[in-house]
């Protein structure tokens, strides 16, 4: 597909998040949800009314996923279920679904999402990324974890796990490590029946492209969109790992992207607040000329 015109990037709302992460499109509400990690908030923006709402959270939530009866949240100490939020009403008590055993106390969950079958995947990291400690792990929350109340690690030796996404057929899993010493996106063959990734290989060496690999999404063509943190871009890579396109974002630290809107033709991009840049921490919307895929719902 040829892209001849640079699309318009618009800001939605006026919020300025500390770290805007995990945007998820809720088709039933025609609304975008995302989390502000350090400010411990859940945000919502309605596509048609433009209204924004936020709810305080008891812990930092690195990523969220739709659940049949609310929102699954990977937080500091485990996986929780939050009831459906309502505007102007405090978020009800959270139900703990599973506990995680971190390697050290100063850790939390970071990037994550559901696979096409509804398993919730989320990675952990040490809060002080300057330490460069490879203590992060990628966890799978599925029916077994729901029964035992404990998640087990599937992949370890991660510093800052990010970029989790799945191909349209669910048979390829993508995962990045955005730490400056790694800057790599891997692809895995993915067993959709067991939820097991294998045959790990380098998909993108981001040292060859602007920005560190942060949050990502996959479009209906199977192309992989990833935020180039520190460089102010969202990049599109083909399934073969070739850079196909880059869209400039008006702040240097885009964090994660997701497709949404009534036609799934809008790419939403969250970002990280830095210094006195008034657009940092904002959430943006762009219509790149391609469509995304419906976000899966947690299935247990």
Protein backbone atom coordinates (compact mmCIF):
# COMPACT_ATOMS: atom_id res chain seq x y z
CA UNK A 1 0.00 0.00 0.00
CA UNK A 2 1.35 3.44 -0.91
CA UNK A 3 1.20 6.32 1.57
CA UNK A 4 1.70 9.63 -0.16
CA UNK A 5 0.32 12.11 2.36
CA UNK A 6 1.51 12.50 5.93
CA UNK A 7 -1.61 12.04 8.10
CA UNK A 8 -2.80 14.63 10.58
CA UNK A 9 -1.92 13.85 14.19
CA UNK A 10 -4.41 15.34 16.66
CA UNK A 11 -4.43 15.47 20.43
CA UNK A 12 -7.42 14.01 22.25
CA UNK A 13 -8.46 15.52 25.56
CA UNK A 14 -6.23 17.75 27.65
CA UNK A 15 -4.76 15.23 30.08
CA UNK A 16 -0.98 15.02 30.52
CA UNK A 17 -0.07 11.60 31.87
CA UNK A 18 3.12 10.75 33.68
CA UNK A 19 3.38 7.59 31.61
CA UNK A 20 0.37 6.98 29.37
CA UNK A 21 0.25 3.26 28.61
CA UNK A 22 -1.84 0.35 27.37
CA UNK A 23 -4.50 2.07 25.22
CA UNK A 24 -7.38 -0.34 24.55
CA UNK A 25 -10.38 0.36 22.34
CA UNK A 26 -13.73 -0.66 23.86
CA UNK A 27 -16.03 -1.12 20.86
CA UNK A 28 -19.17 -1.51 22.98
CA UNK A 29 -18.66 1.92 24.53
CA UNK A 30 -16.94 3.49 21.51
CA UNK A 31 -14.30 4.67 23.94
CA UNK A 32 -10.55 4.45 24.48
CA UNK A 33 -9.24 3.32 27.86
CA UNK A 34 -5.63 3.56 29.04
CA UNK A 35 -3.59 3.80 32.21
CA UNK A 36 -1.28 6.45 33.66
CA UNK A 37 1.29 4.30 35.45
CA UNK A 38 3.01 6.64 37.99
CA UNK A 39 -0.09 8.74 38.62
CA UNK A 40 -2.08 5.54 39.32
CA UNK A 41 -5.07 6.37 37.17
CA UNK A 42 -7.37 4.71 34.66
CA UNK A 43 -8.42 7.05 31.85
CA UNK A 44 -11.32 6.92 29.38
CA UNK A 45 -12.10 9.07 26.33
CA UNK A 46 -15.37 8.78 24.42
CA UNK A 47 -15.02 8.98 20.64
CA UNK A 48 -18.35 10.72 19.95
CA UNK A 49 -18.73 13.05 22.95
CA UNK A 50 -15.05 13.78 23.48
CA UNK A 51 -15.67 13.46 27.21
CA UNK A 52 -12.82 12.22 29.39
CA UNK A 53 -13.02 10.54 32.78
CA UNK A 54 -10.42 9.15 35.14
CA UNK A 55 -10.42 6.95 38.23
CA UNK A 56 -7.68 6.57 40.87
CA UNK A 57 -6.08 3.14 41.30
CA UNK A 58 -4.57 1.64 44.46
CA UNK A 59 -1.41 0.51 42.65
CA UNK A 60 0.44 1.37 39.47
CA UNK A 61 -1.16 -0.47 36.53
CA UNK A 62 1.26 -1.27 33.73
CA UNK A 63 -1.34 -2.67 31.35
CA UNK A 64 -5.03 -3.43 31.10
CA UNK A 65 -7.26 -5.80 29.15
CA UNK A 66 -11.00 -6.00 28.65
CA UNK A 67 -12.78 -8.64 30.71
CA UNK A 68 -16.42 -9.79 30.44
CA UNK A 69 -17.24 -8.12 33.74
CA UNK A 70 -14.80 -5.22 33.89
CA UNK A 71 -11.09 -4.69 33.32
CA UNK A 72 -8.13 -6.95 34.04
CA UNK A 73 -5.15 -4.97 35.30
CA UNK A 74 -1.53 -6.05 35.72
CA UNK A 75 -0.34 -3.89 38.58
CA UNK A 76 2.49 -3.90 41.11
CA UNK A 77 1.70 -7.03 43.09
CA UNK A 78 -0.35 -9.11 40.69
CA UNK A 79 -3.30 -9.33 38.31
CA UNK A 80 -6.55 -7.68 39.43
CA UNK A 81 -10.09 -7.36 38.14
CA UNK A 82 -11.73 -3.93 38.29
CA UNK A 83 -15.51 -3.56 37.90
CA UNK A 84 -16.82 -1.55 34.94
CA UNK A 85 -16.13 2.12 35.74
CA UNK A 86 -18.85 4.76 35.70
CA UNK A 87 -18.37 8.49 35.19
CA UNK A 88 -18.34 10.44 38.43
CA UNK A 89 -18.39 7.31 40.59
CA UNK A 90 -15.37 5.94 42.42
CA UNK A 91 -14.03 2.68 41.01
CA UNK A 92 -15.31 -0.24 43.03
CA UNK A 93 -12.99 -2.54 44.98
CA UNK A 94 -10.54 -4.57 42.92
CA UNK A 95 -10.54 -8.36 43.04
CA UNK A 96 -7.14 -10.03 43.12
CA UNK A 97 -6.97 -12.70 40.42
CA UNK A 98 -3.34 -13.76 40.82
CA UNK A 99 -0.21 -12.87 42.77
CA UNK A 100 3.27 -12.55 41.30
CA UNK A 101 6.54 -13.36 43.08
CA UNK A 102 8.97 -10.62 42.01
CA UNK A 103 12.73 -11.12 42.20
CA UNK A 104 12.96 -7.95 44.32
CA UNK A 105 10.43 -5.56 45.89
CA UNK A 106 11.00 -2.59 43.56
CA UNK A 107 9.28 -4.15 40.54
CA UNK A 108 5.95 -3.85 38.76
CA UNK A 109 4.13 -5.05 35.67
CA UNK A 110 4.68 -3.11 32.47
CA UNK A 111 3.46 -3.74 28.91
CA UNK A 112 0.93 -6.46 28.09
CA UNK A 113 -2.24 -7.52 26.28
CA UNK A 114 -4.44 -10.52 25.51
CA UNK A 115 -3.60 -13.00 22.78
CA UNK A 116 -6.23 -13.83 20.16
CA UNK A 117 -7.61 -16.59 22.41
CA UNK A 118 -8.05 -14.28 25.42
CA UNK A 119 -5.00 -15.18 27.53
CA UNK A 120 -3.60 -12.11 29.32
CA UNK A 121 0.17 -11.66 28.84
CA UNK A 122 2.17 -9.08 30.82
CA UNK A 123 5.84 -8.41 31.54
CA UNK A 124 7.56 -7.17 34.69
CA UNK A 125 10.48 -4.79 35.21
CA UNK A 126 12.62 -3.18 37.90
CA UNK A 127 11.38 0.36 38.55
CA UNK A 128 14.83 1.94 38.26
CA UNK A 129 15.67 1.16 34.65
CA UNK A 130 19.09 2.83 34.97
CA UNK A 131 20.20 -0.28 36.88
CA UNK A 132 19.75 -2.35 33.72
CA UNK A 133 18.85 -5.46 35.69
CA UNK A 134 17.55 -8.38 33.56
CA UNK A 135 15.09 -9.49 36.23
CA UNK A 136 11.93 -8.89 34.22
CA UNK A 137 9.76 -11.79 33.13
CA UNK A 138 6.84 -12.34 30.80
CA UNK A 139 3.84 -13.95 32.47
CA UNK A 140 0.76 -15.68 31.08
CA UNK A 141 -2.55 -15.38 32.91
CA UNK A 142 -4.94 -18.07 31.72
CA UNK A 143 -7.54 -20.47 33.11
CA UNK A 144 -4.91 -22.40 35.09
CA UNK A 145 -3.60 -19.20 36.68
CA UNK A 146 -7.14 -18.16 37.51
CA UNK A 147 -7.68 -21.45 39.36
CA UNK A 148 -4.43 -21.32 41.31
CA UNK A 149 -4.27 -17.56 41.84
CA UNK A 150 -0.63 -17.48 40.76
CA UNK A 151 1.02 -16.63 37.45
CA UNK A 152 4.17 -18.41 36.26
CA UNK A 153 6.85 -16.91 34.04
CA UNK A 154 7.17 -18.10 30.44
CA UNK A 155 10.12 -15.90 29.36
CA UNK A 156 12.78 -14.36 31.62
CA UNK A 157 16.01 -12.31 31.30
CA UNK A 158 14.11 -9.14 30.34
CA UNK A 159 15.00 -5.60 31.40
CA UNK A 160 12.06 -3.56 30.12
CA UNK A 161 9.56 -5.86 28.35
CA UNK A 162 7.46 -4.04 25.80
CA UNK A 163 5.99 -4.28 22.32
CA UNK A 164 3.79 -7.29 22.98
CA UNK A 165 1.50 -8.04 20.03
CA UNK A 166 0.07 -10.94 18.04
CA UNK A 167 -0.34 -11.49 14.30
CA UNK A 168 -3.88 -11.52 12.87
CA UNK A 169 -3.99 -15.33 12.89
CA UNK A 170 -2.48 -15.41 16.38
CA UNK A 171 0.37 -17.68 15.31
CA UNK A 172 3.17 -15.13 15.74
CA UNK A 173 3.93 -13.34 19.01
CA UNK A 174 6.05 -10.18 19.12
CA UNK A 175 7.97 -8.94 22.16
CA UNK A 176 10.49 -6.14 22.59
CA UNK A 177 12.96 -5.04 25.23
CA UNK A 178 13.14 -1.25 25.15
CA UNK A 179 16.16 -0.85 27.42
CA UNK A 180 19.00 1.05 25.75
CA UNK A 181 21.28 -1.99 26.06
CA UNK A 182 18.80 -4.22 24.20
CA UNK A 183 16.60 -2.25 21.75
CA UNK A 184 15.38 -5.42 20.08
CA UNK A 185 12.04 -6.80 18.90
CA UNK A 186 11.72 -10.59 18.77
CA UNK A 187 9.21 -12.76 16.95
CA UNK A 188 8.09 -16.17 18.19
CA UNK A 189 6.07 -18.95 16.65
CA UNK A 190 3.01 -19.19 18.89
CA UNK A 191 0.99 -22.31 19.66
CA UNK A 192 -2.57 -20.97 19.81
CA UNK A 193 -3.86 -24.12 21.55
CA UNK A 194 -1.44 -24.10 24.48
CA UNK A 195 -0.43 -20.43 24.51
CA UNK A 196 3.25 -21.35 24.18
CA UNK A 197 5.81 -19.21 22.30
CA UNK A 198 8.82 -20.93 20.71
CA UNK A 199 11.42 -20.45 17.96
CA UNK A 200 12.52 -17.03 19.19
CA UNK A 201 14.36 -14.89 16.62
CA UNK A 202 15.27 -11.24 16.09
CA UNK A 203 12.49 -9.50 14.18
CA UNK A 204 13.79 -5.91 14.34
CA UNK A 205 17.11 -4.51 15.56
CA UNK A 206 15.92 -1.07 16.61
CA UNK A 207 19.49 0.18 16.86
CA UNK A 208 19.15 0.66 13.10
CA UNK A 209 16.02 2.82 13.42
CA UNK A 210 15.06 6.02 15.30
CA UNK A 211 13.93 5.45 18.88
CA UNK A 212 13.83 2.63 21.38
CA UNK A 213 11.10 0.00 20.85
CA UNK A 214 8.17 0.67 23.18
CA UNK A 215 4.49 -0.36 22.94
CA UNK A 216 3.08 -1.84 19.76
CA UNK A 217 0.02 -2.95 17.79
CA UNK A 218 -0.67 -5.06 14.71
CA UNK A 219 -2.92 -3.94 11.85
CA UNK A 220 -5.27 -6.00 9.68
CA UNK A 221 -2.51 -6.44 7.08
CA UNK A 222 -0.31 -8.11 9.69
CA UNK A 223 2.09 -5.16 9.89
CA UNK A 224 3.65 -4.31 13.24
CA UNK A 225 3.40 -0.73 14.52
CA UNK A 226 5.78 0.23 17.32
CA UNK A 227 6.48 3.48 19.14
CA UNK A 228 10.01 4.81 18.69
CA UNK A 229 10.53 6.21 22.18
CA UNK A 230 12.94 9.16 22.45
CA UNK A 231 12.64 9.79 18.69
CA UNK A 232 8.99 10.89 18.37
CA UNK A 233 7.90 8.32 15.79
CA UNK A 234 5.54 5.42 15.33
CA UNK A 235 7.04 2.94 12.87
CA UNK A 236 5.27 0.37 10.72
CA UNK A 237 7.15 -2.84 9.89
CA UNK A 238 5.99 -5.51 7.45
CA UNK A 239 5.67 -9.14 8.62
CA UNK A 240 9.11 -9.65 7.07
CA UNK A 241 10.60 -7.02 9.43
CA UNK A 242 11.08 -4.31 6.80
CA UNK A 243 10.47 -0.69 7.80
CA UNK A 244 7.48 0.38 5.73
CA UNK A 245 6.58 3.77 7.16
CA UNK A 246 7.23 6.22 10.02
CA UNK A 247 4.73 8.76 11.38
CA UNK A 248 6.03 11.70 13.41
CA UNK A 249 4.36 12.29 16.79
CA UNK A 250 4.59 15.85 18.24
CA UNK A 251 6.45 14.76 21.36
CA UNK A 252 9.64 12.77 21.71
CA UNK A 253 8.41 9.91 23.90
CA UNK A 254 5.44 8.05 22.41
CA UNK A 255 4.75 5.04 24.62
CA UNK A 256 2.16 2.68 23.12
CA UNK A 257 -0.28 2.58 20.23
CA UNK A 258 -3.62 0.88 19.55
CA UNK A 259 -6.19 0.87 16.79
CA UNK A 260 -9.71 2.04 17.52
CA UNK A 261 -12.53 4.28 16.39
CA UNK A 262 -15.83 3.10 14.87
CA UNK A 263 -14.03 1.65 11.84
CA UNK A 264 -10.85 0.64 13.67
CA UNK A 265 -9.09 3.07 11.35
CA UNK A 266 -7.69 5.41 14.01
CA UNK A 267 -4.32 4.80 15.62
CA UNK A 268 -4.22 6.11 19.19
CA UNK A 269 -0.80 6.87 20.69
CA UNK A 270 -0.08 7.53 24.37
CA UNK A 271 3.09 9.26 25.56
CA UNK A 272 5.33 10.06 28.52
CA UNK A 273 5.56 13.43 30.28
CA UNK A 274 9.01 15.05 30.19
CA UNK A 275 10.17 18.45 31.40
CA UNK A 276 8.04 21.40 30.37
CA UNK A 277 6.92 20.00 27.00
CA UNK A 278 3.15 20.69 27.06
CA UNK A 279 2.42 17.87 24.59
CA UNK A 280 4.41 15.22 26.43
CA UNK A 281 2.12 12.85 28.29
CA UNK A 282 -0.70 13.64 25.87
CA UNK A 283 -2.68 11.05 23.90
CA UNK A 284 -2.89 11.43 20.14
CA UNK A 285 -5.08 10.16 17.30
CA UNK A 286 -4.05 9.65 13.68
CA UNK A 287 -5.76 7.99 10.72
CA UNK A 288 -2.92 6.19 8.92
CA UNK A 289 -4.98 4.75 6.06
CA UNK A 290 -5.09 1.18 7.38
CA UNK A 291 -7.36 -0.59 9.85
CA UNK A 292 -6.61 -2.51 12.99
CA UNK A 293 -8.08 -5.58 14.65
CA UNK A 294 -10.60 -5.86 17.50
CA UNK A 295 -8.85 -6.15 20.86
CA UNK A 296 -9.48 -9.59 22.41
CA UNK A 297 -11.34 -9.96 25.71
CA UNK A 298 -9.92 -11.93 28.64
CA UNK A 299 -11.29 -15.47 28.46
CA UNK A 300 -11.09 -17.92 31.35
